Amino acid sequence: MVFDTGTLCHMIGICEILENVKGIDPVIVGLRDGNLALASKVGTVKLGSKLIPRDVLFVSKLTCNLISIYQLNKESNSIVTFTNSFCVIQDRTLKT
């Protein structure tokens, strides 16, 4: 998974890691290379026992899996800190 500060929503390119998958009306997604792709499914991805991003779009053209820092902060009570070698995601209240 790539934690991305530049994308507005979670997107993955491997449908098999999605849980609670639902088909959706196709959504057009802009890719970094300027091309467009379609998202056709949505679900959740379990990243840990307490970190389960929801509304993750399946985009078959993606070559990596993106977790949107913007969406993660909106859907959870978290703080995300980046250093030169790692990323820390903490609950704001519990600091875990």
N, C-alpha and C. Protein backbone atom coordinates (compact mmCIF):
# COMPACT_ATOMS: atom_id res chain seq x y z
N MET A 1 0.83 -1.18 0.00
CA MET A 1 0.00 0.00 0.00
C MET A 1 0.88 1.25 0.00
N VAL A 2 0.45 2.23 -0.74
CA VAL A 2 1.12 3.52 -0.77
C VAL A 2 0.20 4.52 -0.08
N PHE A 3 0.70 5.21 0.92
CA PHE A 3 -0.07 6.25 1.58
C PHE A 3 0.19 7.54 0.82
N ASP A 4 -0.87 8.07 0.22
CA ASP A 4 -0.73 9.14 -0.76
C ASP A 4 -1.42 10.41 -0.27
N THR A 5 -0.66 11.51 -0.23
CA THR A 5 -1.24 12.79 0.19
C THR A 5 -1.85 13.54 -0.99
N GLY A 6 -1.69 13.02 -2.20
CA GLY A 6 -2.17 13.73 -3.37
C GLY A 6 -3.46 13.20 -3.97
N THR A 7 -3.95 12.08 -3.48
CA THR A 7 -5.19 11.52 -4.02
C THR A 7 -6.35 11.77 -3.06
N LEU A 8 -7.54 11.92 -3.60
CA LEU A 8 -8.70 12.24 -2.77
C LEU A 8 -9.46 11.02 -2.27
N CYS A 9 -9.22 9.85 -2.87
CA CYS A 9 -9.93 8.65 -2.41
C CYS A 9 -9.01 7.44 -2.47
N HIS A 10 -9.35 6.44 -1.66
CA HIS A 10 -8.61 5.18 -1.65
C HIS A 10 -8.89 4.46 -2.96
N MET A 11 -7.85 3.88 -3.57
CA MET A 11 -8.00 3.14 -4.82
C MET A 11 -7.03 1.97 -4.82
N ILE A 12 -7.51 0.82 -5.29
CA ILE A 12 -6.64 -0.34 -5.40
C ILE A 12 -6.76 -0.95 -6.78
N GLY A 13 -5.74 -1.66 -7.18
CA GLY A 13 -5.72 -2.33 -8.47
C GLY A 13 -5.86 -3.83 -8.36
N ILE A 14 -5.99 -4.36 -7.15
CA ILE A 14 -6.13 -5.81 -6.94
C ILE A 14 -7.44 -6.07 -6.22
N CYS A 15 -8.41 -6.55 -6.94
CA CYS A 15 -9.76 -6.74 -6.39
C CYS A 15 -9.78 -7.78 -5.26
N GLU A 16 -8.88 -8.75 -5.30
CA GLU A 16 -8.89 -9.84 -4.32
C GLU A 16 -8.65 -9.38 -2.89
N ILE A 17 -8.04 -8.22 -2.69
CA ILE A 17 -7.82 -7.76 -1.31
C ILE A 17 -8.98 -6.95 -0.76
N LEU A 18 -9.97 -6.67 -1.61
CA LEU A 18 -11.16 -5.96 -1.14
C LEU A 18 -12.07 -6.89 -0.36
N GLU A 19 -12.67 -6.38 0.69
CA GLU A 19 -13.68 -7.10 1.46
C GLU A 19 -14.98 -6.33 1.34
N ASN A 20 -16.10 -7.02 1.58
CA ASN A 20 -17.43 -6.39 1.50
C ASN A 20 -17.60 -5.68 0.16
N VAL A 21 -17.26 -6.35 -0.91
CA VAL A 21 -17.26 -5.77 -2.26
C VAL A 21 -18.68 -5.57 -2.77
N LYS A 22 -18.91 -4.40 -3.36
CA LYS A 22 -20.18 -4.10 -4.02
C LYS A 22 -19.88 -3.51 -5.39
N GLY A 23 -20.69 -3.88 -6.36
CA GLY A 23 -20.59 -3.26 -7.67
C GLY A 23 -21.17 -1.85 -7.60
N ILE A 24 -20.60 -0.95 -8.36
CA ILE A 24 -21.09 0.44 -8.40
C ILE A 24 -21.25 0.87 -9.86
N ASP A 25 -22.04 1.92 -10.07
CA ASP A 25 -22.06 2.52 -11.39
C ASP A 25 -20.64 3.03 -11.65
N PRO A 26 -20.12 2.78 -12.84
CA PRO A 26 -18.73 3.17 -13.11
C PRO A 26 -18.45 4.65 -12.80
N VAL A 27 -17.30 4.87 -12.18
CA VAL A 27 -16.84 6.20 -11.81
C VAL A 27 -15.55 6.46 -12.58
N ILE A 28 -15.45 7.60 -13.22
CA ILE A 28 -14.22 7.95 -13.95
C ILE A 28 -13.20 8.48 -12.95
N VAL A 29 -11.99 7.94 -13.04
CA VAL A 29 -10.89 8.31 -12.14
C VAL A 29 -9.73 8.82 -12.98
N GLY A 30 -9.19 9.97 -12.61
CA GLY A 30 -8.01 10.51 -13.29
C GLY A 30 -6.75 9.91 -12.71
N LEU A 31 -5.88 9.42 -13.56
CA LEU A 31 -4.61 8.83 -13.13
C LEU A 31 -3.49 9.86 -13.24
N ARG A 32 -2.41 9.63 -12.54
CA ARG A 32 -1.31 10.59 -12.52
C ARG A 32 -0.65 10.82 -13.87
N ASP A 33 -0.74 9.81 -14.74
CA ASP A 33 -0.13 9.97 -16.06
C ASP A 33 -1.02 10.73 -17.04
N GLY A 34 -2.16 11.23 -16.53
CA GLY A 34 -3.07 11.99 -17.37
C GLY A 34 -4.18 11.18 -18.00
N ASN A 35 -4.07 9.85 -17.96
CA ASN A 35 -5.11 8.99 -18.52
C ASN A 35 -6.28 8.87 -17.56
N LEU A 36 -7.38 8.35 -18.08
CA LEU A 36 -8.58 8.11 -17.28
C LEU A 36 -8.81 6.61 -17.16
N ALA A 37 -9.42 6.21 -16.06
CA ALA A 37 -9.77 4.80 -15.84
C ALA A 37 -11.13 4.76 -15.18
N LEU A 38 -11.72 3.57 -15.16
CA LEU A 38 -13.03 3.40 -14.53
C LEU A 38 -12.90 2.60 -13.25
N ALA A 39 -13.58 3.05 -12.21
CA ALA A 39 -13.73 2.27 -10.97
C ALA A 39 -15.08 1.59 -11.08
N SER A 40 -15.12 0.27 -10.84
CA SER A 40 -16.34 -0.49 -11.04
C SER A 40 -16.86 -1.17 -9.78
N LYS A 41 -16.04 -1.17 -8.73
CA LYS A 41 -16.42 -1.81 -7.47
C LYS A 41 -15.91 -0.98 -6.31
N VAL A 42 -16.48 -1.20 -5.14
CA VAL A 42 -16.06 -0.51 -3.93
C VAL A 42 -16.12 -1.51 -2.78
N GLY A 43 -15.26 -1.32 -1.80
CA GLY A 43 -15.25 -2.21 -0.64
C GLY A 43 -14.36 -1.65 0.46
N THR A 44 -13.96 -2.54 1.36
CA THR A 44 -13.06 -2.17 2.45
C THR A 44 -11.77 -2.96 2.33
N VAL A 45 -10.71 -2.46 2.96
CA VAL A 45 -9.41 -3.15 2.99
C VAL A 45 -8.94 -3.16 4.43
N LYS A 46 -8.58 -4.32 4.93
CA LYS A 46 -8.10 -4.43 6.31
C LYS A 46 -6.58 -4.24 6.32
N LEU A 47 -6.13 -3.12 6.93
CA LEU A 47 -4.70 -2.83 7.03
C LEU A 47 -4.14 -3.19 8.39
N GLY A 48 -4.99 -3.48 9.33
CA GLY A 48 -4.62 -3.84 10.69
C GLY A 48 -5.90 -4.11 11.45
N SER A 49 -5.77 -4.48 12.70
CA SER A 49 -6.98 -4.82 13.46
C SER A 49 -7.90 -3.63 13.66
N LYS A 50 -7.35 -2.42 13.64
CA LYS A 50 -8.17 -1.23 13.88
C LYS A 50 -8.19 -0.26 12.70
N LEU A 51 -7.41 -0.53 11.68
CA LEU A 51 -7.33 0.37 10.53
C LEU A 51 -7.95 -0.33 9.32
N ILE A 52 -9.19 0.03 9.02
CA ILE A 52 -9.93 -0.60 7.93
C ILE A 52 -10.55 0.50 7.06
N PRO A 53 -9.78 0.99 6.09
CA PRO A 53 -10.33 2.01 5.20
C PRO A 53 -11.57 1.49 4.47
N ARG A 54 -12.57 2.35 4.33
CA ARG A 54 -13.79 1.97 3.63
C ARG A 54 -13.93 2.83 2.37
N ASP A 55 -14.90 2.48 1.57
CA ASP A 55 -15.13 3.16 0.29
C ASP A 55 -13.87 3.16 -0.57
N VAL A 56 -13.21 2.00 -0.64
CA VAL A 56 -12.01 1.83 -1.45
C VAL A 56 -12.45 1.45 -2.86
N LEU A 57 -12.07 2.25 -3.83
CA LEU A 57 -12.45 2.00 -5.22
C LEU A 57 -11.52 0.97 -5.86
N PHE A 58 -12.10 0.04 -6.63
CA PHE A 58 -11.30 -0.89 -7.43
C PHE A 58 -11.14 -0.30 -8.82
N VAL A 59 -9.88 -0.05 -9.21
CA VAL A 59 -9.55 0.51 -10.53
C VAL A 59 -8.56 -0.46 -11.16
N SER A 60 -9.04 -1.26 -12.11
CA SER A 60 -8.21 -2.35 -12.65
C SER A 60 -6.92 -1.87 -13.32
N LYS A 61 -6.87 -0.63 -13.80
CA LYS A 61 -5.67 -0.11 -14.47
C LYS A 61 -4.56 0.31 -13.50
N LEU A 62 -4.85 0.36 -12.21
CA LEU A 62 -3.82 0.79 -11.25
C LEU A 62 -2.76 -0.29 -11.10
N THR A 63 -1.51 0.14 -10.99
CA THR A 63 -0.40 -0.80 -10.78
C THR A 63 0.05 -0.81 -9.32
N CYS A 64 -0.60 0.01 -8.49
CA CYS A 64 -0.29 0.03 -7.07
C CYS A 64 -1.59 0.29 -6.30
N ASN A 65 -1.54 0.18 -5.00
CA ASN A 65 -2.71 0.40 -4.15
C ASN A 65 -2.49 1.67 -3.35
N LEU A 66 -3.45 2.60 -3.42
CA LEU A 66 -3.30 3.92 -2.82
C LEU A 66 -4.26 4.11 -1.66
N ILE A 67 -3.74 4.50 -0.52
CA ILE A 67 -4.57 4.91 0.61
C ILE A 67 -4.46 6.43 0.68
N SER A 68 -5.60 7.07 0.54
CA SER A 68 -5.66 8.53 0.54
C SER A 68 -5.58 9.06 1.97
N ILE A 69 -4.57 9.87 2.25
CA ILE A 69 -4.45 10.48 3.57
C ILE A 69 -5.65 11.39 3.81
N TYR A 70 -6.08 12.11 2.79
CA TYR A 70 -7.25 12.98 2.90
C TYR A 70 -8.49 12.18 3.34
N GLN A 71 -8.78 11.08 2.65
CA GLN A 71 -9.96 10.27 2.99
C GLN A 71 -9.78 9.58 4.34
N LEU A 72 -8.58 9.12 4.64
CA LEU A 72 -8.32 8.45 5.92
C LEU A 72 -8.60 9.40 7.08
N ASN A 73 -8.14 10.64 6.97
CA ASN A 73 -8.39 11.62 8.03
C ASN A 73 -9.87 11.97 8.15
N LYS A 74 -10.60 11.97 7.02
CA LYS A 74 -12.03 12.26 7.05
C LYS A 74 -12.83 11.15 7.72
N GLU A 75 -12.44 9.88 7.47
CA GLU A 75 -13.24 8.76 7.95
C GLU A 75 -12.80 8.21 9.30
N SER A 76 -11.67 8.64 9.78
CA SER A 76 -11.21 8.14 11.08
C SER A 76 -10.67 9.31 11.90
N ASN A 77 -10.58 9.10 13.15
CA ASN A 77 -10.07 10.13 14.07
C ASN A 77 -8.56 9.91 14.21
N SER A 78 -7.82 10.20 13.14
CA SER A 78 -6.40 9.85 13.13
C SER A 78 -5.50 11.04 12.86
N ILE A 79 -4.24 10.84 13.23
CA ILE A 79 -3.16 11.76 12.92
C ILE A 79 -2.15 10.97 12.09
N VAL A 80 -1.71 11.52 10.99
CA VAL A 80 -0.73 10.84 10.14
C VAL A 80 0.54 11.67 10.14
N THR A 81 1.65 11.02 10.49
CA THR A 81 2.95 11.69 10.53
C THR A 81 3.91 10.96 9.60
N PHE A 82 4.58 11.71 8.74
CA PHE A 82 5.58 11.15 7.84
C PHE A 82 6.97 11.56 8.31
N THR A 83 7.90 10.63 8.24
CA THR A 83 9.31 10.95 8.44
C THR A 83 10.04 10.55 7.16
N ASN A 84 11.35 10.65 7.17
CA ASN A 84 12.10 10.26 5.97
C ASN A 84 12.13 8.76 5.74
N SER A 85 11.73 7.95 6.74
CA SER A 85 11.80 6.50 6.56
C SER A 85 10.52 5.74 6.90
N PHE A 86 9.51 6.39 7.47
CA PHE A 86 8.28 5.67 7.77
C PHE A 86 7.11 6.62 7.95
N CYS A 87 5.93 6.02 8.10
CA CYS A 87 4.68 6.75 8.29
C CYS A 87 4.00 6.20 9.54
N VAL A 88 3.51 7.09 10.39
CA VAL A 88 2.82 6.68 11.63
C VAL A 88 1.38 7.16 11.56
N ILE A 89 0.45 6.25 11.81
CA ILE A 89 -0.97 6.60 11.87
C ILE A 89 -1.43 6.35 13.29
N GLN A 90 -1.90 7.41 13.95
CA GLN A 90 -2.29 7.34 15.36
C GLN A 90 -3.72 7.80 15.55
N ASP A 91 -4.42 7.17 16.48
CA ASP A 91 -5.72 7.65 16.90
C ASP A 91 -5.51 8.95 17.67
N ARG A 92 -6.28 9.98 17.35
CA ARG A 92 -6.10 11.30 18.01
C ARG A 92 -6.34 11.23 19.50
N THR A 93 -7.32 10.48 19.92
CA THR A 93 -7.69 10.43 21.33
C THR A 93 -6.82 9.48 22.13
N LEU A 94 -6.70 8.24 21.65
CA LEU A 94 -5.97 7.21 22.39
C LEU A 94 -4.46 7.25 22.18
N LYS A 95 -4.02 7.91 21.13
CA LYS A 95 -2.60 7.98 20.76
C LYS A 95 -2.01 6.59 20.48
N THR A 96 -2.85 5.67 20.04
CA THR A 96 -2.37 4.31 19.69
C THR A 96 -2.24 4.16 18.21
